[in-house]
Amino acid sequence: MARVAKAALVKGPGGVGDANHPVEIAPGVANKAKVRQPGRRGPQKLPTKVAVTVRYSPEVLDYFKATGDGWQTRMNDVLRRHVEEQLRHQQHRAA
């Protein structure tokens, strides 16, 4: 017996989806499908960041949090630019 996917649409005449005709899925295929829960991200394909616990002064956190959503990314960008500047400065002194 084939399983039926509720959200899948069959293309009708003219390529238009028809919600009244769900797509049949081969047995066993639906069990193997990975379902992502709403609001949950899957694993990163290429992990680029490391989770750590740090302590910042309240003034620093207040400043970045006041900039709205994405404050952690902006904080990371500021720290990355500082590191790049320090590395350039060190290379300049070594030359």
PDB file of N, CA and C in Angstrom:
ATOM      1  N   MET A   1       0.850  -1.179   0.000  1.00  0.00           N
ATOM      2  CA  MET A   1       0.000   0.000   0.000  1.00  0.00           C
ATOM      3  C   MET A   1       0.897   1.244   0.000  1.00  0.00           C
ATOM      4  N   ALA A   2       0.594   2.194  -0.862  1.00  0.00           N
ATOM      5  CA  ALA A   2       1.401   3.404  -0.981  1.00  0.00           C
ATOM      6  C   ALA A   2       0.970   4.435   0.046  1.00  0.00           C
ATOM      7  N   ARG A   3       1.965   5.175   0.541  1.00  0.00           N
ATOM      8  CA  ARG A   3       1.664   6.263   1.471  1.00  0.00           C
ATOM      9  C   ARG A   3       1.313   7.501   0.664  1.00  0.00           C
ATOM     10  N   VAL A   4       0.594   8.399   1.266  1.00  0.00           N
ATOM     11  CA  VAL A   4       0.176   9.613   0.575  1.00  0.00           C
ATOM     12  C   VAL A   4       0.766  10.813   1.299  1.00  0.00           C
ATOM     13  N   ALA A   5       1.410  11.691   0.538  1.00  0.00           N
ATOM     14  CA  ALA A   5       1.963  12.925   1.113  1.00  0.00           C
ATOM     15  C   ALA A   5       0.905  14.004   1.029  1.00  0.00           C
ATOM     16  N   LYS A   6       0.563  14.574   2.148  1.00  0.00           N
ATOM     17  CA  LYS A   6      -0.496  15.578   2.181  1.00  0.00           C
ATOM     18  C   LYS A   6      -0.087  16.887   1.531  1.00  0.00           C
ATOM     19  N   ALA A   7       1.177  17.292   1.706  1.00  0.00           N
ATOM     20  CA  ALA A   7       1.598  18.605   1.231  1.00  0.00           C
ATOM     21  C   ALA A   7       2.013  18.598  -0.234  1.00  0.00           C
ATOM     22  N   ALA A   8       2.305  17.455  -0.802  1.00  0.00           N
ATOM     23  CA  ALA A   8       2.776  17.394  -2.183  1.00  0.00           C
ATOM     24  C   ALA A   8       1.614  17.636  -3.137  1.00  0.00           C
ATOM     25  N   LEU A   9       1.897  18.291  -4.242  1.00  0.00           N
ATOM     26  CA  LEU A   9       0.869  18.594  -5.226  1.00  0.00           C
ATOM     27  C   LEU A   9       1.179  17.901  -6.540  1.00  0.00           C
ATOM     28  N   VAL A  10       0.140  17.426  -7.211  1.00  0.00           N
ATOM     29  CA  VAL A  10       0.279  16.845  -8.536  1.00  0.00           C
ATOM     30  C   VAL A  10       0.077  17.970  -9.535  1.00  0.00           C
ATOM     31  N   LYS A  11       0.915  17.999 -10.572  1.00  0.00           N
ATOM     32  CA  LYS A  11       0.752  19.012 -11.596  1.00  0.00           C
ATOM     33  C   LYS A  11      -0.413  18.621 -12.494  1.00  0.00           C
ATOM     34  N   GLY A  12      -1.378  19.484 -12.584  1.00  0.00           N
ATOM     35  CA  GLY A  12      -2.539  19.241 -13.425  1.00  0.00           C
ATOM     36  C   GLY A  12      -2.303  19.829 -14.806  1.00  0.00           C
ATOM     37  N   PRO A  13      -3.345  19.908 -15.607  1.00  0.00           N
ATOM     38  CA  PRO A  13      -3.224  20.500 -16.935  1.00  0.00           C
ATOM     39  C   PRO A  13      -2.679  21.923 -16.845  1.00  0.00           C
ATOM     40  N   GLY A  14      -1.729  22.229 -17.678  1.00  0.00           N
ATOM     41  CA  GLY A  14      -1.145  23.566 -17.664  1.00  0.00           C
ATOM     42  C   GLY A  14      -0.104  23.734 -16.583  1.00  0.00           C
ATOM     43  N   GLY A  15       0.306  22.654 -15.902  1.00  0.00           N
ATOM     44  CA  GLY A  15       1.360  22.726 -14.894  1.00  0.00           C
ATOM     45  C   GLY A  15       0.914  23.312 -13.571  1.00  0.00           C
ATOM     46  N   VAL A  16      -0.387  23.406 -13.325  1.00  0.00           N
ATOM     47  CA  VAL A  16      -0.897  23.981 -12.089  1.00  0.00           C
ATOM     48  C   VAL A  16      -1.065  22.874 -11.053  1.00  0.00           C
ATOM     49  N   GLY A  17      -0.659  23.117  -9.812  1.00  0.00           N
ATOM     50  CA  GLY A  17      -0.782  22.120  -8.752  1.00  0.00           C
ATOM     51  C   GLY A  17      -2.228  21.914  -8.344  1.00  0.00           C
ATOM     52  N   ASP A  18      -2.554  20.700  -7.936  1.00  0.00           N
ATOM     53  CA  ASP A  18      -3.910  20.388  -7.513  1.00  0.00           C
ATOM     54  C   ASP A  18      -3.855  19.711  -6.144  1.00  0.00           C
ATOM     55  N   ALA A  19      -4.276  20.406  -5.108  1.00  0.00           N
ATOM     56  CA  ALA A  19      -4.201  19.884  -3.746  1.00  0.00           C
ATOM     57  C   ALA A  19      -5.185  18.740  -3.519  1.00  0.00           C
ATOM     58  N   ASN A  20      -6.151  18.571  -4.399  1.00  0.00           N
ATOM     59  CA  ASN A  20      -7.121  17.495  -4.247  1.00  0.00           C
ATOM     60  C   ASN A  20      -6.582  16.146  -4.710  1.00  0.00           C
ATOM     61  N   HIS A  21      -5.430  16.126  -5.360  1.00  0.00           N
ATOM     62  CA  HIS A  21      -4.827  14.896  -5.847  1.00  0.00           C
ATOM     63  C   HIS A  21      -3.423  14.755  -5.276  1.00  0.00           C
ATOM     64  N   PRO A  22      -3.299  14.229  -4.048  1.00  0.00           N
ATOM     65  CA  PRO A  22      -1.973  14.083  -3.440  1.00  0.00           C
ATOM     66  C   PRO A  22      -1.107  13.084  -4.205  1.00  0.00           C
ATOM     67  N   VAL A  23       0.198  13.237  -4.080  1.00  0.00           N
ATOM     68  CA  VAL A  23       1.165  12.378  -4.755  1.00  0.00           C
ATOM     69  C   VAL A  23       1.335  11.098  -3.946  1.00  0.00           C
ATOM     70  N   GLU A  24       1.397   9.972  -4.647  1.00  0.00           N
ATOM     71  CA  GLU A  24       1.652   8.711  -3.967  1.00  0.00           C
ATOM     72  C   GLU A  24       3.153   8.524  -3.816  1.00  0.00           C
ATOM     73  N   ILE A  25       3.582   8.040  -2.653  1.00  0.00           N
ATOM     74  CA  ILE A  25       4.994   7.822  -2.364  1.00  0.00           C
ATOM     75  C   ILE A  25       5.209   6.333  -2.186  1.00  0.00           C
ATOM     76  N   ALA A  26       6.279   5.805  -2.782  1.00  0.00           N
ATOM     77  CA  ALA A  26       6.565   4.374  -2.701  1.00  0.00           C
ATOM     78  C   ALA A  26       6.732   3.950  -1.246  1.00  0.00           C
ATOM     79  N   PRO A  27       6.326   2.713  -0.930  1.00  0.00           N
ATOM     80  CA  PRO A  27       6.475   2.220   0.447  1.00  0.00           C
ATOM     81  C   PRO A  27       7.927   2.286   0.905  1.00  0.00           C
ATOM     82  N   GLY A  28       8.145   2.706   2.125  1.00  0.00           N
ATOM     83  CA  GLY A  28       9.493   2.759   2.695  1.00  0.00           C
ATOM     84  C   GLY A  28      10.213   4.068   2.443  1.00  0.00           C
ATOM     85  N   VAL A  29       9.830   4.790   1.403  1.00  0.00           N
ATOM     86  CA  VAL A  29      10.511   6.045   1.084  1.00  0.00           C
ATOM     87  C   VAL A  29      10.190   7.101   2.131  1.00  0.00           C
ATOM     88  N   ALA A  30       8.944   7.204   2.527  1.00  0.00           N
ATOM     89  CA  ALA A  30       8.542   8.215   3.507  1.00  0.00           C
ATOM     90  C   ALA A  30       9.230   7.984   4.843  1.00  0.00           C
ATOM     91  N   ASN A  31       9.496   6.721   5.199  1.00  0.00           N
ATOM     92  CA  ASN A  31      10.157   6.433   6.471  1.00  0.00           C
ATOM     93  C   ASN A  31      11.598   6.915   6.470  1.00  0.00           C
ATOM     94  N   LYS A  32      12.226   6.984   5.292  1.00  0.00           N
ATOM     95  CA  LYS A  32      13.629   7.383   5.187  1.00  0.00           C
ATOM     96  C   LYS A  32      13.793   8.888   5.066  1.00  0.00           C
ATOM     97  N   ALA A  33      12.716   9.579   4.754  1.00  0.00           N
ATOM     98  CA  ALA A  33      12.796  11.028   4.567  1.00  0.00           C
ATOM     99  C   ALA A  33      13.091  11.715   5.890  1.00  0.00           C
ATOM    100  N   LYS A  34      14.003  12.670   5.840  1.00  0.00           N
ATOM    101  CA  LYS A  34      14.322  13.442   7.037  1.00  0.00           C
ATOM    102  C   LYS A  34      13.377  14.630   7.090  1.00  0.00           C
ATOM    103  N   VAL A  35      12.644  14.736   8.181  1.00  0.00           N
ATOM    104  CA  VAL A  35      11.676  15.824   8.330  1.00  0.00           C
ATOM    105  C   VAL A  35      12.248  16.847   9.277  1.00  0.00           C
ATOM    106  N   ARG A  36      12.332  18.072   8.800  1.00  0.00           N
ATOM    107  CA  ARG A  36      12.838  19.170   9.616  1.00  0.00           C
ATOM    108  C   ARG A  36      11.663  19.795  10.352  1.00  0.00           C
ATOM    109  N   GLN A  37      11.799  19.937  11.647  1.00  0.00           N
ATOM    110  CA  GLN A  37      10.765  20.543  12.466  1.00  0.00           C
ATOM    111  C   GLN A  37      10.749  22.053  12.222  1.00  0.00           C
ATOM    112  N   PRO A  38       9.579  22.668  12.216  1.00  0.00           N
ATOM    113  CA  PRO A  38       9.513  24.121  12.040  1.00  0.00           C
ATOM    114  C   PRO A  38      10.361  24.838  13.082  1.00  0.00           C
ATOM    115  N   GLY A  39      11.133  25.797  12.654  1.00  0.00           N
ATOM    116  CA  GLY A  39      11.970  26.572  13.562  1.00  0.00           C
ATOM    117  C   GLY A  39      13.267  25.887  13.932  1.00  0.00           C
ATOM    118  N   ARG A  40      13.557  24.748  13.341  1.00  0.00           N
ATOM    119  CA  ARG A  40      14.788  24.008  13.640  1.00  0.00           C
ATOM    120  C   ARG A  40      15.623  23.905  12.378  1.00  0.00           C
ATOM    121  N   ARG A  41      16.903  24.204  12.499  1.00  0.00           N
ATOM    122  CA  ARG A  41      17.811  24.081  11.370  1.00  0.00           C
ATOM    123  C   ARG A  41      18.420  22.695  11.377  1.00  0.00           C
ATOM    124  N   GLY A  42      18.772  22.239  10.213  1.00  0.00           N
ATOM    125  CA  GLY A  42      19.476  20.978  10.100  1.00  0.00           C
ATOM    126  C   GLY A  42      20.946  21.193  10.409  1.00  0.00           C
ATOM    127  N   PRO A  43      21.738  20.124  10.359  1.00  0.00           N
ATOM    128  CA  PRO A  43      23.167  20.273  10.619  1.00  0.00           C
ATOM    129  C   PRO A  43      23.828  21.111   9.528  1.00  0.00           C
ATOM    130  N   GLN A  44      24.833  21.881   9.914  1.00  0.00           N
ATOM    131  CA  GLN A  44      25.550  22.687   8.931  1.00  0.00           C
ATOM    132  C   GLN A  44      26.292  21.769   7.983  1.00  0.00           C
ATOM    133  N   LYS A  45      26.270  22.108   6.693  1.00  0.00           N
ATOM    134  CA  LYS A  45      27.010  21.316   5.721  1.00  0.00           C
ATOM    135  C   LYS A  45      28.504  21.496   5.932  1.00  0.00           C
ATOM    136  N   LEU A  46      28.910  22.720   6.168  1.00  0.00           N
ATOM    137  CA  LEU A  46      30.310  23.025   6.448  1.00  0.00           C
ATOM    138  C   LEU A  46      30.363  23.855   7.722  1.00  0.00           C
ATOM    139  N   PRO A  47      30.506  23.224   8.873  1.00  0.00           N
ATOM    140  CA  PRO A  47      30.538  24.010  10.117  1.00  0.00           C
ATOM    141  C   PRO A  47      31.640  25.070  10.063  1.00  0.00           C
ATOM    142  N   THR A  48      31.248  26.306  10.268  1.00  0.00           N
ATOM    143  CA  THR A  48      32.206  27.404  10.170  1.00  0.00           C
ATOM    144  C   THR A  48      32.400  28.124  11.497  1.00  0.00           C
ATOM    145  N   LYS A  49      31.619  27.760  12.489  1.00  0.00           N
ATOM    146  CA  LYS A  49      31.723  28.435  13.781  1.00  0.00           C
ATOM    147  C   LYS A  49      31.789  27.404  14.887  1.00  0.00           C
ATOM    148  N   VAL A  50      32.299  27.821  16.029  1.00  0.00           N
ATOM    149  CA  VAL A  50      32.446  26.943  17.186  1.00  0.00           C
ATOM    150  C   VAL A  50      31.650  27.546  18.337  1.00  0.00           C
ATOM    151  N   ALA A  51      30.830  26.732  18.982  1.00  0.00           N
ATOM    152  CA  ALA A  51      30.066  27.208  20.131  1.00  0.00           C
ATOM    153  C   ALA A  51      30.971  27.268  21.358  1.00  0.00           C
ATOM    154  N   VAL A  52      30.981  28.422  22.032  1.00  0.00           N
ATOM    155  CA  VAL A  52      31.782  28.611  23.240  1.00  0.00           C
ATOM    156  C   VAL A  52      30.961  29.402  24.255  1.00  0.00           C
ATOM    157  N   THR A  53      31.422  29.411  25.472  1.00  0.00           N
ATOM    158  CA  THR A  53      30.818  30.247  26.500  1.00  0.00           C
ATOM    159  C   THR A  53      31.822  31.330  26.858  1.00  0.00           C
ATOM    160  N   VAL A  54      31.403  32.574  26.760  1.00  0.00           N
ATOM    161  CA  VAL A  54      32.282  33.703  27.087  1.00  0.00           C
ATOM    162  C   VAL A  54      31.537  34.661  28.005  1.00  0.00           C
ATOM    163  N   ARG A  55      32.280  35.535  28.640  1.00  0.00           N
ATOM    164  CA  ARG A  55      31.693  36.545  29.519  1.00  0.00           C
ATOM    165  C   ARG A  55      32.111  37.915  29.004  1.00  0.00           C
ATOM    166  N   TYR A  56      31.120  38.775  28.754  1.00  0.00           N
ATOM    167  CA  TYR A  56      31.372  40.138  28.291  1.00  0.00           C
ATOM    168  C   TYR A  56      30.850  41.121  29.322  1.00  0.00           C
ATOM    169  N   SER A  57      31.364  42.326  29.282  1.00  0.00           N
ATOM    170  CA  SER A  57      30.855  43.352  30.187  1.00  0.00           C
ATOM    171  C   SER A  57      29.427  43.698  29.763  1.00  0.00           C
ATOM    172  N   PRO A  58      28.607  44.096  30.731  1.00  0.00           N
ATOM    173  CA  PRO A  58      27.218  44.437  30.409  1.00  0.00           C
ATOM    174  C   PRO A  58      27.105  45.544  29.360  1.00  0.00           C
ATOM    175  N   GLU A  59      28.047  46.485  29.383  1.00  0.00           N
ATOM    176  CA  GLU A  59      27.996  47.596  28.422  1.00  0.00           C
ATOM    177  C   GLU A  59      28.167  47.087  26.984  1.00  0.00           C
ATOM    178  N   VAL A  60      29.074  46.134  26.808  1.00  0.00           N
ATOM    179  CA  VAL A  60      29.308  45.578  25.466  1.00  0.00           C
ATOM    180  C   VAL A  60      28.061  44.836  24.991  1.00  0.00           C
ATOM    181  N   LEU A  61      27.502  43.984  25.856  1.00  0.00           N
ATOM    182  CA  LEU A  61      26.301  43.245  25.468  1.00  0.00           C
ATOM    183  C   LEU A  61      25.131  44.174  25.199  1.00  0.00           C
ATOM    184  N   ASP A  62      24.940  45.163  26.062  1.00  0.00           N
ATOM    185  CA  ASP A  62      23.835  46.116  25.860  1.00  0.00           C
ATOM    186  C   ASP A  62      23.969  46.822  24.521  1.00  0.00           C
ATOM    187  N   TYR A  63      25.190  47.209  24.175  1.00  0.00           N
ATOM    188  CA  TYR A  63      25.417  47.904  22.913  1.00  0.00           C
ATOM    189  C   TYR A  63      25.002  47.032  21.735  1.00  0.00           C
ATOM    190  N   PHE A  64      25.509  45.809  21.685  1.00  0.00           N
ATOM    191  CA  PHE A  64      25.226  44.952  20.536  1.00  0.00           C
ATOM    192  C   PHE A  64      23.771  44.491  20.512  1.00  0.00           C
ATOM    193  N   LYS A  65      23.199  44.170  21.669  1.00  0.00           N
ATOM    194  CA  LYS A  65      21.801  43.741  21.701  1.00  0.00           C
ATOM    195  C   LYS A  65      20.869  44.862  21.258  1.00  0.00           C
ATOM    196  N   ALA A  66      21.246  46.097  21.539  1.00  0.00           N
ATOM    197  CA  ALA A  66      20.416  47.244  21.154  1.00  0.00           C
ATOM    198  C   ALA A  66      20.365  47.425  19.639  1.00  0.00           C
ATOM    199  N   THR A  67      21.275  46.782  18.919  1.00  0.00           N
ATOM    200  CA  THR A  67      21.274  46.905  17.446  1.00  0.00           C
ATOM    201  C   THR A  67      20.256  45.970  16.812  1.00  0.00           C
ATOM    202  N   GLY A  68      19.579  45.138  17.614  1.00  0.00           N
ATOM    203  CA  GLY A  68      18.506  44.286  17.095  1.00  0.00           C
ATOM    204  C   GLY A  68      18.974  42.888  16.725  1.00  0.00           C
ATOM    205  N   ASP A  69      18.069  42.163  16.051  1.00  0.00           N
ATOM    206  CA  ASP A  69      18.375  40.799  15.630  1.00  0.00           C
ATOM    207  C   ASP A  69      19.650  40.771  14.807  1.00  0.00           C
ATOM    208  N   GLY A  70      20.433  39.739  14.994  1.00  0.00           N
ATOM    209  CA  GLY A  70      21.703  39.615  14.292  1.00  0.00           C
ATOM    210  C   GLY A  70      22.867  40.208  15.053  1.00  0.00           C
ATOM    211  N   TRP A  71      22.628  40.554  16.324  1.00  0.00           N
ATOM    212  CA  TRP A  71      23.686  41.210  17.096  1.00  0.00           C
ATOM    213  C   TRP A  71      24.887  40.303  17.291  1.00  0.00           C
ATOM    214  N   GLN A  72      24.679  39.000  17.402  1.00  0.00           N
ATOM    215  CA  GLN A  72      25.812  38.100  17.588  1.00  0.00           C
ATOM    216  C   GLN A  72      26.675  38.050  16.324  1.00  0.00           C
ATOM    217  N   THR A  73      26.042  38.072  15.166  1.00  0.00           N
ATOM    218  CA  THR A  73      26.786  38.094  13.907  1.00  0.00           C
ATOM    219  C   THR A  73      27.583  39.385  13.796  1.00  0.00           C
ATOM    220  N   ARG A  74      26.956  40.509  14.160  1.00  0.00           N
ATOM    221  CA  ARG A  74      27.681  41.785  14.114  1.00  0.00           C
ATOM    222  C   ARG A  74      28.843  41.786  15.091  1.00  0.00           C
ATOM    223  N   MET A  75      28.657  41.210  16.269  1.00  0.00           N
ATOM    224  CA  MET A  75      29.746  41.136  17.243  1.00  0.00           C
ATOM    225  C   MET A  75      30.889  40.291  16.667  1.00  0.00           C
ATOM    226  N   ASN A  76      30.540  39.178  16.033  1.00  0.00           N
ATOM    227  CA  ASN A  76      31.546  38.323  15.409  1.00  0.00           C
ATOM    228  C   ASN A  76      32.297  39.087  14.315  1.00  0.00           C
ATOM    229  N   ASP A  77      31.576  39.871  13.517  1.00  0.00           N
ATOM    230  CA  ASP A  77      32.216  40.647  12.442  1.00  0.00           C
ATOM    231  C   ASP A  77      33.212  41.656  13.001  1.00  0.00           C
ATOM    232  N   VAL A  78      32.838  42.332  14.095  1.00  0.00           N
ATOM    233  CA  VAL A  78      33.735  43.304  14.723  1.00  0.00           C
ATOM    234  C   VAL A  78      34.991  42.602  15.238  1.00  0.00           C
ATOM    235  N   LEU A  79      34.803  41.465  15.897  1.00  0.00           N
ATOM    236  CA  LEU A  79      35.963  40.724  16.413  1.00  0.00           C
ATOM    237  C   LEU A  79      36.836  40.192  15.274  1.00  0.00           C
ATOM    238  N   ARG A  80      36.218  39.723  14.196  1.00  0.00           N
ATOM    239  CA  ARG A  80      36.993  39.228  13.054  1.00  0.00           C
ATOM    240  C   ARG A  80      37.833  40.346  12.438  1.00  0.00           C
ATOM    241  N   ARG A  81      37.220  41.537  12.269  1.00  0.00           N
ATOM    242  CA  ARG A  81      37.986  42.668  11.713  1.00  0.00           C
ATOM    243  C   ARG A  81      39.145  43.038  12.621  1.00  0.00           C
ATOM    244  N   HIS A  82      38.929  42.997  13.934  1.00  0.00           N
ATOM    245  CA  HIS A  82      40.001  43.307  14.873  1.00  0.00           C
ATOM    246  C   HIS A  82      41.148  42.298  14.731  1.00  0.00           C
ATOM    247  N   VAL A  83      40.810  41.018  14.637  1.00  0.00           N
ATOM    248  CA  VAL A  83      41.836  39.983  14.478  1.00  0.00           C
ATOM    249  C   VAL A  83      42.610  40.198  13.174  1.00  0.00           C
ATOM    250  N   GLU A  84      41.908  40.473  12.089  1.00  0.00           N
ATOM    251  CA  GLU A  84      42.576  40.709  10.802  1.00  0.00           C
ATOM    252  C   GLU A  84      43.517  41.909  10.887  1.00  0.00           C
ATOM    253  N   GLU A  85      43.056  42.972  11.558  1.00  0.00           N
ATOM    254  CA  GLU A  85      43.893  44.166  11.721  1.00  0.00           C
ATOM    255  C   GLU A  85      45.139  43.846  12.537  1.00  0.00           C
ATOM    256  N   GLN A  86      44.974  43.085  13.603  1.00  0.00           N
ATOM    257  CA  GLN A  86      46.125  42.717  14.431  1.00  0.00           C
ATOM    258  C   GLN A  86      47.121  41.857  13.642  1.00  0.00           C
ATOM    259  N   LEU A  87      46.597  40.926  12.841  1.00  0.00           N
ATOM    260  CA  LEU A  87      47.482  40.080  12.033  1.00  0.00           C
ATOM    261  C   LEU A  87      48.255  40.904  11.004  1.00  0.00           C
ATOM    262  N   ARG A  88      47.584  41.871  10.367  1.00  0.00           N
ATOM    263  CA  ARG A  88      48.268  42.750   9.405  1.00  0.00           C
ATOM    264  C   ARG A  88      49.352  43.560  10.110  1.00  0.00           C
ATOM    265  N   HIS A  89      49.034  44.051  11.303  1.00  0.00           N
ATOM    266  CA  HIS A  89      49.980  44.848  12.074  1.00  0.00           C
ATOM    267  C   HIS A  89      51.206  43.994  12.449  1.00  0.00           C
ATOM    268  N   GLN A  90      50.970  42.753  12.866  1.00  0.00           N
ATOM    269  CA  GLN A  90      52.066  41.850  13.226  1.00  0.00           C
ATOM    270  C   GLN A  90      52.936  41.527  12.011  1.00  0.00           C
ATOM    271  N   GLN A  91      52.298  41.303  10.856  1.00  0.00           N
ATOM    272  CA  GLN A  91      53.058  41.010   9.645  1.00  0.00           C
ATOM    273  C   GLN A  91      53.883  42.212   9.204  1.00  0.00           C
ATOM    274  N   HIS A  92      53.332  43.403   9.378  1.00  0.00           N
ATOM    275  CA  HIS A  92      54.036  44.617   8.996  1.00  0.00           C
ATOM    276  C   HIS A  92      55.286  44.797   9.882  1.00  0.00           C
ATOM    277  N   ARG A  93      55.148  44.518  11.190  1.00  0.00           N
ATOM    278  CA  ARG A  93      56.283  44.649  12.114  1.00  0.00           C
ATOM    279  C   ARG A  93      57.343  43.597  11.821  1.00  0.00           C
ATOM    280  N   ALA A  94      56.928  42.405  11.397  1.00  0.00           N
ATOM    281  CA  ALA A  94      57.888  41.318  11.132  1.00  0.00           C
ATOM    282  C   ALA A  94      58.654  41.545   9.827  1.00  0.00           C
ATOM    283  N   ALA A  95      58.103  42.328   8.924  1.00  0.00           N
ATOM    284  CA  ALA A  95      58.742  42.547   7.618  1.00  0.00           C
ATOM    285  C   ALA A  95      59.867  43.569   7.685  1.00  0.00           C
TER     286      ALA A  95
END
